[in-house]
Structures are given as C-alpha cells and as structure tokens.
C-alpha cells in the first residue's frame, strides 16, 4: 500500500478549542509564500536524512508548497489565504520529526498523540509559544504520510481535501482558522509499513486562531 491514512479518531476533526488566556503574536507571522517559486516543489519528496536525496534546505521550499496548495484550495471556495506563523511552524516540525523517528502512524493509530511523550496538538502548539497572552484561541492539526509516488505536497493536500472523511477538509477550509504552520515536512515514512519504501514523505500542518 502506498500511503497511510493518518488522521483517525475524534482528535482529527478539530483539535482543541480553548477559551483560556492565550493569543498569537503579530511578530510571529510572516508574509505570504511566493507560490510561483514554490510550484516547482509541488511534486517533490522532502529531504530524507537517510538518503540525502535533496538538501535539507529544500524542505523550506516544500513547506511553502504545502502552504500554497492549501491556499489554492481555499481560494476555490472563496476563502482568504492563511497567514504563516513561525510558532505553528515549530510545533509542526517537532511532531513530524518524532513521527518519522518513532513510526507509529499505522492504520488505526492516533497520529496526533506522541506515544512516547504524550504530547498533543494543543500541548505542542501552545508549548511552542503560540497565543501567549490573549482572550481565546483555537488550534488544529492535520497529518499525512505517503510513499511510492504519494509522498509529495500535492498528494498530501489532495488527500486532506478530497479523500479523507475524518475532518481534514473542514480544517483546511475553515473560516475561523486564520494562521498556518507548514514546516512539518520530512522525508521518510511515519508508518512502519513504509519504513523501507522509496520516495516517502511525511507532513504535519498546524492551524490556529488567536484573539487578543
């Protein structure tokens, strides 16, 4: 099988709606990605530390590609683009590294809860410093791992929007979520079934809204 359906269970639909004193900070946001430049990465597989098929720096371009592809899907339904947030990037990168190392995203597993540390999307995102002094916040996370031609940004976003029945489309096309972190890209499978597969890629996208 070429890919794993990674987001399972109730946590996949819209992870954590909080009404505590937390908020995103303006300085953590970045400008919109250069999608003309990022387009060359739409069908690329992320850097894999075991093969070195691409330089690590390529993963930044691939993360931009994920952002652009998500914004393109939002534009199709009349939604505005998402703002990149570096705190959300940190949370996404942390989770994808752990996932590729531990490879627990098998069918039926909860891809959002780290079985070793117990971390969750909420704990990772808020722990990265997202929304530190606000009135309310909402955060979500989507995950994907694929191989054999399905390890690319285009494959990940297509699955989230058009294949998954577990709430991914609703997250990506949410009217309430305003910010995104897409630096959760890494070569290699996050499922043991694809441990030896070629051209594997794993993806985590984090989303948030912060009200000050």
N, C-alpha and C. Protein backbone atom coordinates (compact mmCIF):
# COMPACT_ATOMS: atom_id res chain seq x y z
N UNK A 1 0.85 -1.19 0.00
CA UNK A 1 0.00 0.00 0.00
C UNK A 1 0.88 1.24 0.00
N UNK A 2 0.51 2.23 -0.78
CA UNK A 2 1.38 3.38 -0.99
C UNK A 2 1.32 4.42 0.10
N UNK A 3 0.26 4.48 0.85
CA UNK A 3 0.19 5.52 1.86
C UNK A 3 -0.67 5.09 3.03
N UNK A 4 -0.55 5.84 4.07
CA UNK A 4 -1.32 5.56 5.27
C UNK A 4 -2.32 6.67 5.49
N UNK A 5 -3.51 6.32 5.90
CA UNK A 5 -4.50 7.32 6.25
C UNK A 5 -4.23 7.72 7.69
N UNK A 6 -3.68 8.91 7.86
CA UNK A 6 -3.01 9.22 9.12
C UNK A 6 -3.88 9.81 10.21
N UNK A 7 -4.95 10.49 9.84
CA UNK A 7 -5.71 11.21 10.86
C UNK A 7 -6.95 10.41 11.23
N UNK A 8 -6.93 9.82 12.38
CA UNK A 8 -8.03 8.96 12.80
C UNK A 8 -8.52 9.37 14.18
N UNK A 9 -9.81 9.18 14.43
CA UNK A 9 -10.33 9.46 15.75
C UNK A 9 -10.86 10.88 15.87
N UNK A 10 -11.47 11.15 17.00
CA UNK A 10 -12.14 12.44 17.18
C UNK A 10 -11.17 13.60 17.19
N UNK A 11 -9.90 13.37 17.57
CA UNK A 11 -8.96 14.47 17.62
C UNK A 11 -8.62 14.99 16.24
N UNK A 12 -8.96 14.22 15.20
CA UNK A 12 -8.59 14.64 13.85
C UNK A 12 -9.52 15.71 13.30
N UNK A 13 -10.67 15.88 13.88
CA UNK A 13 -11.65 16.76 13.27
C UNK A 13 -11.35 18.23 13.54
N UNK A 14 -11.16 18.59 14.74
CA UNK A 14 -10.84 19.98 15.07
C UNK A 14 -10.24 19.97 16.46
N UNK A 15 -8.93 19.85 16.52
CA UNK A 15 -8.28 19.60 17.79
C UNK A 15 -8.25 20.83 18.66
N UNK A 16 -8.87 20.77 19.77
CA UNK A 16 -8.75 21.74 20.85
C UNK A 16 -9.33 23.09 20.55
N UNK A 17 -10.42 23.39 21.16
CA UNK A 17 -10.96 24.74 21.18
C UNK A 17 -10.83 25.24 22.60
N UNK A 18 -10.00 26.25 22.79
CA UNK A 18 -9.75 26.73 24.14
C UNK A 18 -10.31 28.11 24.36
N UNK A 19 -10.72 28.38 25.55
CA UNK A 19 -11.20 29.71 25.91
C UNK A 19 -10.41 30.19 27.12
N UNK A 20 -9.08 29.98 27.05
CA UNK A 20 -8.21 30.43 28.12
C UNK A 20 -7.42 31.64 27.67
N UNK A 21 -6.58 32.15 28.53
CA UNK A 21 -5.86 33.38 28.22
C UNK A 21 -4.64 33.10 27.35
N UNK A 22 -4.85 32.97 26.02
CA UNK A 22 -3.77 32.66 25.08
C UNK A 22 -4.01 33.38 23.77
N UNK A 23 -2.93 33.83 23.09
CA UNK A 23 -3.11 34.50 21.79
C UNK A 23 -1.86 34.53 20.96
N UNK A 24 -2.02 34.55 19.65
CA UNK A 24 -0.87 34.63 18.74
C UNK A 24 -0.30 36.04 18.70
N UNK A 25 0.99 36.15 18.44
CA UNK A 25 1.63 37.46 18.42
C UNK A 25 1.94 37.89 17.00
N UNK A 26 1.81 39.16 16.73
CA UNK A 26 2.00 39.66 15.37
C UNK A 26 3.40 39.40 14.85
N UNK A 27 4.42 39.51 15.70
CA UNK A 27 5.79 39.34 15.23
C UNK A 27 6.10 37.91 14.81
N UNK A 28 5.23 36.96 15.18
CA UNK A 28 5.47 35.57 14.82
C UNK A 28 4.97 35.25 13.42
N UNK A 29 4.26 36.17 12.79
CA UNK A 29 3.69 35.92 11.49
C UNK A 29 4.65 36.35 10.38
N UNK A 30 4.53 35.70 9.23
CA UNK A 30 5.36 36.04 8.09
C UNK A 30 4.48 36.39 6.90
N UNK A 31 5.10 36.88 5.85
CA UNK A 31 4.34 37.25 4.66
C UNK A 31 3.91 36.00 3.90
N UNK A 32 3.04 36.19 2.92
CA UNK A 32 2.54 35.08 2.12
C UNK A 32 3.67 34.45 1.32
N UNK A 33 3.57 33.16 1.03
CA UNK A 33 4.63 32.50 0.27
C UNK A 33 4.65 32.94 -1.18
N UNK A 34 5.79 32.78 -1.82
CA UNK A 34 5.92 33.04 -3.26
C UNK A 34 5.50 31.77 -3.98
N UNK A 35 4.25 31.71 -4.39
CA UNK A 35 3.71 30.46 -4.92
C UNK A 35 4.22 30.14 -6.32
N UNK A 36 4.62 31.13 -7.08
CA UNK A 36 5.22 30.84 -8.39
C UNK A 36 6.52 30.08 -8.20
N UNK A 37 7.29 30.49 -7.21
CA UNK A 37 8.55 29.82 -6.92
C UNK A 37 8.32 28.47 -6.26
N UNK A 38 7.33 28.42 -5.38
CA UNK A 38 7.06 27.17 -4.65
C UNK A 38 6.50 26.08 -5.53
N UNK A 39 5.92 26.44 -6.68
CA UNK A 39 5.26 25.46 -7.54
C UNK A 39 6.22 24.35 -7.99
N UNK A 40 7.50 24.64 -8.07
CA UNK A 40 8.46 23.62 -8.52
C UNK A 40 8.61 22.49 -7.50
N UNK A 41 8.09 22.70 -6.28
CA UNK A 41 8.21 21.69 -5.23
C UNK A 41 6.92 20.90 -5.04
N UNK A 42 5.88 21.18 -5.81
CA UNK A 42 4.59 20.53 -5.57
C UNK A 42 4.67 19.01 -5.66
N UNK A 43 5.53 18.50 -6.53
CA UNK A 43 5.63 17.06 -6.72
C UNK A 43 6.97 16.50 -6.26
N UNK A 44 7.62 17.22 -5.35
CA UNK A 44 8.90 16.78 -4.79
C UNK A 44 8.67 16.01 -3.50
N UNK A 45 9.63 15.18 -3.14
CA UNK A 45 9.61 14.45 -1.88
C UNK A 45 10.60 15.14 -0.93
N UNK A 46 10.25 15.37 0.32
CA UNK A 46 11.14 16.10 1.23
C UNK A 46 12.49 15.43 1.45
N UNK A 47 13.42 16.23 1.95
CA UNK A 47 14.75 15.74 2.34
C UNK A 47 14.61 14.59 3.32
N UNK A 48 15.37 13.54 3.07
CA UNK A 48 15.39 12.35 3.92
C UNK A 48 16.80 12.20 4.45
N UNK A 49 16.96 12.23 5.76
CA UNK A 49 18.29 12.19 6.35
C UNK A 49 19.02 10.88 6.07
N UNK A 50 18.27 9.81 5.73
CA UNK A 50 18.90 8.52 5.48
C UNK A 50 19.41 8.39 4.05
N UNK A 51 18.84 9.16 3.12
CA UNK A 51 19.26 9.07 1.72
C UNK A 51 19.89 10.34 1.20
N UNK A 52 19.54 11.49 1.82
CA UNK A 52 20.08 12.76 1.36
C UNK A 52 19.73 13.06 -0.08
N UNK A 53 18.53 12.60 -0.52
CA UNK A 53 18.13 12.77 -1.91
C UNK A 53 18.00 14.24 -2.30
N UNK A 54 17.67 15.08 -1.36
CA UNK A 54 17.61 16.53 -1.56
C UNK A 54 18.34 17.19 -0.40
N UNK A 55 18.88 18.40 -0.60
CA UNK A 55 19.45 19.11 0.55
C UNK A 55 18.37 19.49 1.54
N UNK A 56 18.74 19.57 2.80
CA UNK A 56 17.75 19.90 3.83
C UNK A 56 17.04 21.22 3.52
N UNK A 57 17.77 22.17 2.93
CA UNK A 57 17.18 23.47 2.62
C UNK A 57 15.97 23.35 1.71
N UNK A 58 15.91 22.27 0.93
CA UNK A 58 14.77 22.09 0.04
C UNK A 58 13.47 21.95 0.81
N UNK A 59 13.55 21.50 2.05
CA UNK A 59 12.33 21.33 2.83
C UNK A 59 11.60 22.64 3.08
N UNK A 60 12.34 23.75 3.08
CA UNK A 60 11.66 25.04 3.23
C UNK A 60 10.78 25.30 2.01
N UNK A 61 11.32 25.04 0.81
CA UNK A 61 10.52 25.21 -0.39
C UNK A 61 9.33 24.28 -0.41
N UNK A 62 9.51 23.05 0.07
CA UNK A 62 8.41 22.10 0.11
C UNK A 62 7.35 22.53 1.11
N UNK A 63 7.78 23.11 2.23
CA UNK A 63 6.80 23.62 3.21
C UNK A 63 6.01 24.78 2.62
N UNK A 64 6.68 25.62 1.82
CA UNK A 64 5.97 26.70 1.13
C UNK A 64 4.96 26.13 0.14
N UNK A 65 5.34 25.04 -0.52
CA UNK A 65 4.44 24.40 -1.48
C UNK A 65 3.16 23.92 -0.79
N UNK A 66 3.30 23.33 0.40
CA UNK A 66 2.12 22.89 1.13
C UNK A 66 1.21 24.07 1.43
N UNK A 67 1.79 25.16 1.89
CA UNK A 67 1.01 26.36 2.19
C UNK A 67 0.29 26.86 0.94
N UNK A 68 1.00 26.93 -0.18
CA UNK A 68 0.40 27.43 -1.42
C UNK A 68 -0.75 26.54 -1.89
N UNK A 69 -0.56 25.24 -1.82
CA UNK A 69 -1.60 24.32 -2.26
C UNK A 69 -2.84 24.41 -1.38
N UNK A 70 -2.64 24.60 -0.08
CA UNK A 70 -3.79 24.78 0.81
C UNK A 70 -4.51 26.09 0.50
N UNK A 71 -3.76 27.16 0.32
CA UNK A 71 -4.38 28.43 -0.02
C UNK A 71 -5.14 28.36 -1.35
N UNK A 72 -4.62 27.59 -2.29
CA UNK A 72 -5.30 27.43 -3.58
C UNK A 72 -6.65 26.74 -3.41
N UNK A 73 -6.70 25.75 -2.53
CA UNK A 73 -7.97 25.07 -2.26
C UNK A 73 -8.94 26.02 -1.56
N UNK A 74 -8.42 26.86 -0.69
CA UNK A 74 -9.28 27.83 -0.02
C UNK A 74 -9.83 28.85 -1.02
N UNK A 75 -9.00 29.26 -1.95
CA UNK A 75 -9.44 30.25 -2.95
C UNK A 75 -10.58 29.69 -3.81
N UNK A 76 -10.57 28.39 -4.06
CA UNK A 76 -11.63 27.77 -4.87
C UNK A 76 -13.01 27.93 -4.24
N UNK A 77 -13.05 28.05 -2.91
CA UNK A 77 -14.34 28.20 -2.23
C UNK A 77 -14.52 29.60 -1.65
N UNK A 78 -13.71 30.52 -2.14
CA UNK A 78 -13.87 31.91 -1.76
C UNK A 78 -13.32 32.30 -0.41
N UNK A 79 -12.38 31.52 0.11
CA UNK A 79 -11.79 31.83 1.42
C UNK A 79 -10.45 32.54 1.25
N UNK A 80 -10.08 33.40 2.19
CA UNK A 80 -8.80 34.11 2.11
C UNK A 80 -7.63 33.19 2.42
N UNK A 81 -6.43 33.58 2.01
CA UNK A 81 -5.24 32.77 2.33
C UNK A 81 -4.95 32.80 3.82
N UNK A 82 -4.20 31.81 4.27
CA UNK A 82 -3.79 31.73 5.66
C UNK A 82 -2.46 32.43 5.86
N UNK A 83 -2.26 32.99 7.03
CA UNK A 83 -1.02 33.67 7.38
C UNK A 83 -0.05 32.67 8.02
N UNK A 84 1.17 32.64 7.54
CA UNK A 84 2.18 31.73 8.09
C UNK A 84 2.59 32.24 9.48
N UNK A 85 2.68 31.33 10.43
CA UNK A 85 3.06 31.69 11.79
C UNK A 85 4.22 30.81 12.23
N UNK A 86 5.30 31.42 12.66
CA UNK A 86 6.51 30.66 12.98
C UNK A 86 6.34 29.76 14.20
N UNK A 87 5.48 30.14 15.13
CA UNK A 87 5.23 29.28 16.30
C UNK A 87 4.51 28.00 15.87
N UNK A 88 3.58 28.13 14.94
CA UNK A 88 2.91 26.96 14.41
C UNK A 88 3.88 26.10 13.60
N UNK A 89 4.82 26.74 12.91
CA UNK A 89 5.87 26.01 12.20
C UNK A 89 6.68 25.13 13.15
N UNK A 90 7.05 25.71 14.29
CA UNK A 90 7.85 24.98 15.27
C UNK A 90 7.11 23.73 15.76
N UNK A 91 5.83 23.88 16.06
CA UNK A 91 5.03 22.75 16.54
C UNK A 91 4.92 21.66 15.48
N UNK A 92 4.73 22.06 14.23
CA UNK A 92 4.61 21.09 13.14
C UNK A 92 5.92 20.34 12.93
N UNK A 93 7.03 21.08 12.96
CA UNK A 93 8.34 20.46 12.75
C UNK A 93 8.67 19.46 13.87
N UNK A 94 8.34 19.81 15.09
CA UNK A 94 8.59 18.92 16.23
C UNK A 94 7.85 17.60 16.05
N UNK A 95 6.60 17.69 15.62
CA UNK A 95 5.79 16.48 15.54
C UNK A 95 6.21 15.58 14.38
N UNK A 96 6.55 16.17 13.24
CA UNK A 96 6.91 15.32 12.10
C UNK A 96 8.25 14.63 12.35
N UNK A 97 9.18 15.29 13.03
CA UNK A 97 10.46 14.63 13.35
C UNK A 97 10.22 13.43 14.25
N UNK A 98 9.40 13.60 15.28
CA UNK A 98 9.11 12.49 16.19
C UNK A 98 8.40 11.35 15.46
N UNK A 99 7.48 11.71 14.56
CA UNK A 99 6.72 10.69 13.85
C UNK A 99 7.59 9.83 12.95
N UNK A 100 8.51 10.45 12.23
CA UNK A 100 9.39 9.70 11.35
C UNK A 100 10.36 8.85 12.17
N UNK A 101 10.78 9.34 13.31
CA UNK A 101 11.67 8.57 14.18
C UNK A 101 10.97 7.36 14.80
N UNK A 102 9.76 7.57 15.32
CA UNK A 102 9.06 6.52 16.05
C UNK A 102 8.18 5.64 15.17
N UNK A 103 7.70 6.20 14.07
CA UNK A 103 6.88 5.46 13.08
C UNK A 103 5.67 4.78 13.71
N UNK A 104 4.82 5.56 14.36
CA UNK A 104 3.63 4.97 14.98
C UNK A 104 2.34 5.27 14.21
N UNK A 105 2.42 5.96 13.06
CA UNK A 105 1.20 6.35 12.36
C UNK A 105 0.60 5.20 11.56
N UNK A 106 0.47 4.05 12.12
CA UNK A 106 -0.16 2.94 11.41
C UNK A 106 -1.66 3.08 11.39
N UNK A 107 -2.30 2.28 10.55
CA UNK A 107 -3.76 2.32 10.45
C UNK A 107 -4.38 2.02 11.82
N UNK A 108 -5.32 2.86 12.21
CA UNK A 108 -5.98 2.70 13.50
C UNK A 108 -5.31 3.42 14.65
N UNK A 109 -4.10 3.98 14.40
CA UNK A 109 -3.38 4.67 15.47
C UNK A 109 -3.79 6.14 15.53
N UNK A 110 -3.56 6.74 16.67
CA UNK A 110 -3.79 8.18 16.82
C UNK A 110 -2.51 8.90 16.43
N UNK A 111 -2.49 9.48 15.24
CA UNK A 111 -1.27 10.12 14.74
C UNK A 111 -0.98 11.45 15.42
N UNK A 112 -1.89 11.92 16.25
CA UNK A 112 -1.73 13.23 16.88
C UNK A 112 -1.14 13.19 18.28
N UNK A 113 -1.17 12.04 18.92
CA UNK A 113 -0.63 11.91 20.27
C UNK A 113 0.65 11.11 20.25
N UNK A 114 1.74 11.74 20.64
CA UNK A 114 3.04 11.06 20.66
C UNK A 114 3.02 9.97 21.74
N UNK A 115 3.21 8.70 21.35
CA UNK A 115 3.11 7.63 22.34
C UNK A 115 4.24 7.61 23.36
N UNK A 116 5.33 8.30 23.06
CA UNK A 116 6.47 8.33 23.97
C UNK A 116 6.37 9.47 24.96
N UNK A 117 6.00 10.65 24.49
CA UNK A 117 5.95 11.83 25.36
C UNK A 117 4.55 12.21 25.81
N UNK A 118 3.54 11.71 25.09
CA UNK A 118 2.17 12.07 25.40
C UNK A 118 1.76 13.43 24.86
N UNK A 119 2.62 14.08 24.09
CA UNK A 119 2.28 15.41 23.57
C UNK A 119 1.11 15.33 22.60
N UNK A 120 0.32 16.39 22.57
CA UNK A 120 -0.86 16.51 21.72
C UNK A 120 -0.74 17.78 20.89
N UNK A 121 -1.59 17.96 19.87
CA UNK A 121 -1.54 19.22 19.12
C UNK A 121 -1.64 20.44 20.04
N UNK A 122 -2.54 20.38 21.00
CA UNK A 122 -2.69 21.51 21.92
C UNK A 122 -1.41 21.77 22.69
N UNK A 123 -0.82 20.73 23.26
CA UNK A 123 0.38 20.94 24.09
C UNK A 123 1.56 21.38 23.24
N UNK A 124 1.68 20.84 22.02
CA UNK A 124 2.80 21.24 21.16
C UNK A 124 2.66 22.67 20.67
N UNK A 125 1.46 23.02 20.23
CA UNK A 125 1.26 24.37 19.67
C UNK A 125 1.38 25.44 20.74
N UNK A 126 0.72 25.24 21.86
CA UNK A 126 0.82 26.23 22.92
C UNK A 126 2.21 26.21 23.55
N UNK A 127 2.83 25.02 23.61
CA UNK A 127 4.19 24.92 24.14
C UNK A 127 5.22 25.61 23.27
N UNK A 128 4.92 25.74 21.98
CA UNK A 128 5.82 26.46 21.07
C UNK A 128 5.71 27.97 21.22
N UNK A 129 4.75 28.41 22.03
CA UNK A 129 4.60 29.85 22.29
C UNK A 129 3.50 30.51 21.50
N UNK A 130 2.61 29.72 20.90
CA UNK A 130 1.51 30.32 20.15
C UNK A 130 0.47 30.89 21.11
N UNK A 131 0.02 32.06 20.81
CA UNK A 131 -1.07 32.70 21.54
C UNK A 131 -0.78 32.90 23.03
N UNK A 132 0.30 33.62 23.38
CA UNK A 132 0.71 33.67 24.79
C UNK A 132 -0.08 34.59 25.73
N UNK A 133 -0.83 35.56 25.23
CA UNK A 133 -1.47 36.48 26.19
C UNK A 133 -2.83 36.96 25.71
N UNK A 134 -3.63 36.08 25.22
CA UNK A 134 -4.89 36.52 24.64
C UNK A 134 -6.12 36.06 25.37
N UNK A 135 -7.27 36.37 24.80
CA UNK A 135 -8.54 36.03 25.44
C UNK A 135 -9.05 34.66 25.02
N UNK A 136 -8.77 34.24 23.77
CA UNK A 136 -9.26 32.95 23.29
C UNK A 136 -8.39 32.44 22.17
N UNK A 137 -8.45 31.14 21.95
CA UNK A 137 -7.67 30.54 20.88
C UNK A 137 -8.36 29.27 20.37
N UNK A 138 -8.01 28.89 19.16
CA UNK A 138 -8.47 27.63 18.58
C UNK A 138 -7.33 27.07 17.75
N UNK A 139 -7.02 25.78 17.89
CA UNK A 139 -5.92 25.19 17.13
C UNK A 139 -6.34 23.85 16.54
N UNK A 140 -5.72 23.47 15.43
CA UNK A 140 -5.98 22.20 14.78
C UNK A 140 -4.70 21.67 14.17
N UNK A 141 -4.71 20.40 13.80
CA UNK A 141 -3.54 19.77 13.19
C UNK A 141 -3.99 18.72 12.18
N UNK A 142 -3.30 18.64 11.05
CA UNK A 142 -3.52 17.55 10.10
C UNK A 142 -2.20 16.83 9.86
N UNK A 143 -2.27 15.52 9.62
CA UNK A 143 -1.06 14.72 9.40
C UNK A 143 -1.24 13.85 8.17
N UNK A 144 -0.11 13.51 7.54
CA UNK A 144 -0.14 12.65 6.35
C UNK A 144 1.23 12.02 6.16
N UNK A 145 1.26 10.76 5.77
CA UNK A 145 2.49 10.11 5.34
C UNK A 145 2.19 9.25 4.12
N UNK A 146 3.08 9.28 3.14
CA UNK A 146 2.85 8.51 1.93
C UNK A 146 4.15 8.14 1.25
N UNK A 147 4.09 7.19 0.33
CA UNK A 147 5.28 6.75 -0.38
C UNK A 147 4.86 6.18 -1.73
N UNK A 148 5.86 5.79 -2.54
CA UNK A 148 5.55 5.21 -3.85
C UNK A 148 4.79 6.15 -4.75
N UNK A 149 5.23 7.42 -4.82
CA UNK A 149 4.53 8.40 -5.64
C UNK A 149 3.52 9.22 -4.87
N UNK A 150 3.31 8.90 -3.61
CA UNK A 150 2.32 9.62 -2.79
C UNK A 150 2.96 10.35 -1.62
N UNK A 151 4.25 10.68 -1.74
CA UNK A 151 4.94 11.35 -0.65
C UNK A 151 5.19 12.82 -0.90
N UNK A 152 4.39 13.44 -1.75
CA UNK A 152 4.62 14.83 -2.18
C UNK A 152 3.62 15.79 -1.54
N UNK A 153 3.92 17.10 -1.57
CA UNK A 153 2.95 18.08 -1.08
C UNK A 153 1.60 17.98 -1.79
N UNK A 154 1.63 17.79 -3.11
CA UNK A 154 0.38 17.70 -3.85
C UNK A 154 -0.46 16.51 -3.37
N UNK A 155 0.20 15.37 -3.13
CA UNK A 155 -0.52 14.18 -2.66
C UNK A 155 -1.10 14.40 -1.27
N UNK A 156 -0.33 15.05 -0.40
CA UNK A 156 -0.80 15.29 0.97
C UNK A 156 -2.03 16.18 0.97
N UNK A 157 -1.97 17.32 0.28
CA UNK A 157 -3.09 18.26 0.29
C UNK A 157 -4.30 17.66 -0.42
N UNK A 158 -4.08 16.93 -1.50
CA UNK A 158 -5.20 16.28 -2.20
C UNK A 158 -5.91 15.31 -1.26
N UNK A 159 -5.13 14.52 -0.50
CA UNK A 159 -5.76 13.57 0.41
C UNK A 159 -6.54 14.28 1.50
N UNK A 160 -5.96 15.32 2.06
CA UNK A 160 -6.66 16.06 3.10
C UNK A 160 -8.00 16.62 2.61
N UNK A 161 -8.00 17.17 1.39
CA UNK A 161 -9.19 17.87 0.90
C UNK A 161 -10.20 16.94 0.22
N UNK A 162 -9.73 15.95 -0.52
CA UNK A 162 -10.64 15.18 -1.39
C UNK A 162 -10.82 13.71 -1.02
N UNK A 163 -9.97 13.16 -0.18
CA UNK A 163 -10.05 11.73 0.12
C UNK A 163 -10.49 11.47 1.56
N UNK A 164 -9.88 12.12 2.50
CA UNK A 164 -10.17 11.88 3.91
C UNK A 164 -11.63 12.17 4.25
N UNK A 165 -12.15 11.35 5.12
CA UNK A 165 -13.50 11.54 5.65
C UNK A 165 -13.46 11.88 7.14
N UNK A 166 -12.28 12.22 7.63
CA UNK A 166 -12.10 12.43 9.07
C UNK A 166 -11.97 13.89 9.48
N UNK A 167 -12.43 14.81 8.65
CA UNK A 167 -12.46 16.21 9.06
C UNK A 167 -11.32 17.07 8.56
N UNK A 168 -10.42 16.50 7.75
CA UNK A 168 -9.29 17.29 7.24
C UNK A 168 -9.75 18.43 6.35
N UNK A 169 -10.68 18.14 5.45
CA UNK A 169 -11.18 19.18 4.55
C UNK A 169 -11.76 20.35 5.34
N UNK A 170 -12.50 20.02 6.37
CA UNK A 170 -13.12 21.07 7.19
C UNK A 170 -12.06 21.94 7.88
N UNK A 171 -10.96 21.34 8.27
CA UNK A 171 -9.88 22.11 8.89
C UNK A 171 -9.22 23.04 7.86
N UNK A 172 -8.83 22.48 6.72
CA UNK A 172 -8.15 23.28 5.70
C UNK A 172 -9.03 24.40 5.16
N UNK A 173 -10.34 24.14 5.09
CA UNK A 173 -11.26 25.14 4.54
C UNK A 173 -12.06 25.84 5.62
N UNK A 174 -11.50 25.89 6.81
CA UNK A 174 -12.18 26.55 7.93
C UNK A 174 -12.23 28.06 7.73
N UNK A 175 -13.36 28.64 8.06
CA UNK A 175 -13.50 30.10 8.03
C UNK A 175 -12.92 30.74 9.29
N UNK A 176 -12.79 29.97 10.36
CA UNK A 176 -12.36 30.55 11.62
C UNK A 176 -10.86 30.46 11.84
N UNK A 177 -10.19 29.46 11.28
CA UNK A 177 -8.74 29.34 11.45
C UNK A 177 -8.03 30.30 10.50
N UNK A 178 -7.12 31.09 11.02
CA UNK A 178 -6.52 32.19 10.24
C UNK A 178 -5.03 32.00 9.95
N UNK A 179 -4.35 31.16 10.75
CA UNK A 179 -2.90 31.04 10.62
C UNK A 179 -2.49 29.59 10.41
N UNK A 180 -1.29 29.41 9.86
CA UNK A 180 -0.84 28.07 9.50
C UNK A 180 0.64 27.90 9.77
N UNK A 181 1.04 26.67 10.06
CA UNK A 181 2.45 26.30 10.14
C UNK A 181 2.65 25.06 9.28
N UNK A 182 3.55 25.14 8.31
CA UNK A 182 3.71 24.00 7.39
C UNK A 182 5.15 23.51 7.31
N UNK A 183 5.98 23.86 8.30
CA UNK A 183 7.36 23.37 8.25
C UNK A 183 7.46 21.94 8.78
N UNK A 184 6.34 21.29 8.96
CA UNK A 184 6.34 19.89 9.36
C UNK A 184 6.45 18.98 8.14
N UNK A 185 7.58 19.06 7.44
CA UNK A 185 7.81 18.21 6.27
C UNK A 185 9.14 17.48 6.45
N UNK A 186 9.14 16.17 6.17
CA UNK A 186 10.37 15.40 6.34
C UNK A 186 10.29 14.15 5.46
N UNK A 187 11.41 13.81 4.85
CA UNK A 187 11.48 12.59 4.07
C UNK A 187 11.44 11.37 4.98
N UNK A 188 10.86 10.30 4.49
CA UNK A 188 10.72 9.09 5.29
C UNK A 188 9.28 8.90 5.72
N UNK A 189 8.89 7.65 5.92
CA UNK A 189 7.53 7.34 6.34
C UNK A 189 7.39 7.43 7.85
N UNK A 190 6.19 7.79 8.29
CA UNK A 190 5.89 7.82 9.73
C UNK A 190 5.11 6.57 10.14
N UNK A 191 5.04 5.61 9.23
CA UNK A 191 4.36 4.34 9.45
C UNK A 191 5.37 3.23 9.17
N UNK A 192 5.44 2.24 10.04
CA UNK A 192 6.40 1.15 9.85
C UNK A 192 6.17 0.39 8.54
N UNK A 193 4.95 0.43 8.04
CA UNK A 193 4.66 -0.26 6.77
C UNK A 193 5.46 0.33 5.61
N UNK A 194 5.84 1.59 5.75
CA UNK A 194 6.60 2.24 4.68
C UNK A 194 8.05 2.49 5.05
N UNK A 195 8.52 1.82 6.08
CA UNK A 195 9.86 2.09 6.60
C UNK A 195 10.96 1.92 5.56
N UNK A 196 10.79 0.96 4.65
CA UNK A 196 11.81 0.71 3.64
C UNK A 196 11.39 1.20 2.25
N UNK A 197 10.26 1.89 2.20
CA UNK A 197 9.75 2.36 0.90
C UNK A 197 10.58 3.53 0.38
N UNK A 198 10.63 3.65 -0.92
CA UNK A 198 11.33 4.77 -1.54
C UNK A 198 10.38 5.95 -1.72
N UNK A 199 10.97 7.12 -1.79
CA UNK A 199 10.22 8.35 -2.06
C UNK A 199 9.08 8.57 -1.06
N UNK A 200 9.38 8.35 0.21
CA UNK A 200 8.39 8.57 1.25
C UNK A 200 8.49 9.99 1.79
N UNK A 201 7.34 10.54 2.15
CA UNK A 201 7.31 11.88 2.75
C UNK A 201 6.25 11.94 3.83
N UNK A 202 6.53 12.68 4.89
CA UNK A 202 5.58 12.84 5.99
C UNK A 202 5.32 14.33 6.21
N UNK A 203 4.08 14.65 6.54
CA UNK A 203 3.65 16.04 6.62
C UNK A 203 2.79 16.30 7.85
N UNK A 204 3.04 17.42 8.49
CA UNK A 204 2.18 17.93 9.57
C UNK A 204 1.89 19.39 9.26
N UNK A 205 0.63 19.75 9.25
CA UNK A 205 0.25 21.15 9.12
C UNK A 205 -0.52 21.54 10.38
N UNK A 206 -0.16 22.66 10.96
CA UNK A 206 -0.82 23.14 12.17
C UNK A 206 -1.56 24.44 11.85
N UNK A 207 -2.67 24.65 12.53
CA UNK A 207 -3.54 25.78 12.25
C UNK A 207 -3.96 26.45 13.56
N UNK A 208 -4.21 27.73 13.50
CA UNK A 208 -4.64 28.41 14.71
C UNK A 208 -5.35 29.72 14.45
N UNK A 209 -6.08 30.14 15.46
CA UNK A 209 -6.67 31.47 15.51
C UNK A 209 -6.47 31.98 16.93
N UNK A 210 -6.05 33.21 17.04
CA UNK A 210 -5.75 33.78 18.34
C UNK A 210 -6.44 35.13 18.47
N UNK A 211 -7.19 35.33 19.53
CA UNK A 211 -7.90 36.58 19.77
C UNK A 211 -7.28 37.29 20.96
N UNK A 212 -6.85 38.52 20.75
CA UNK A 212 -6.26 39.30 21.84
C UNK A 212 -7.32 40.14 22.51
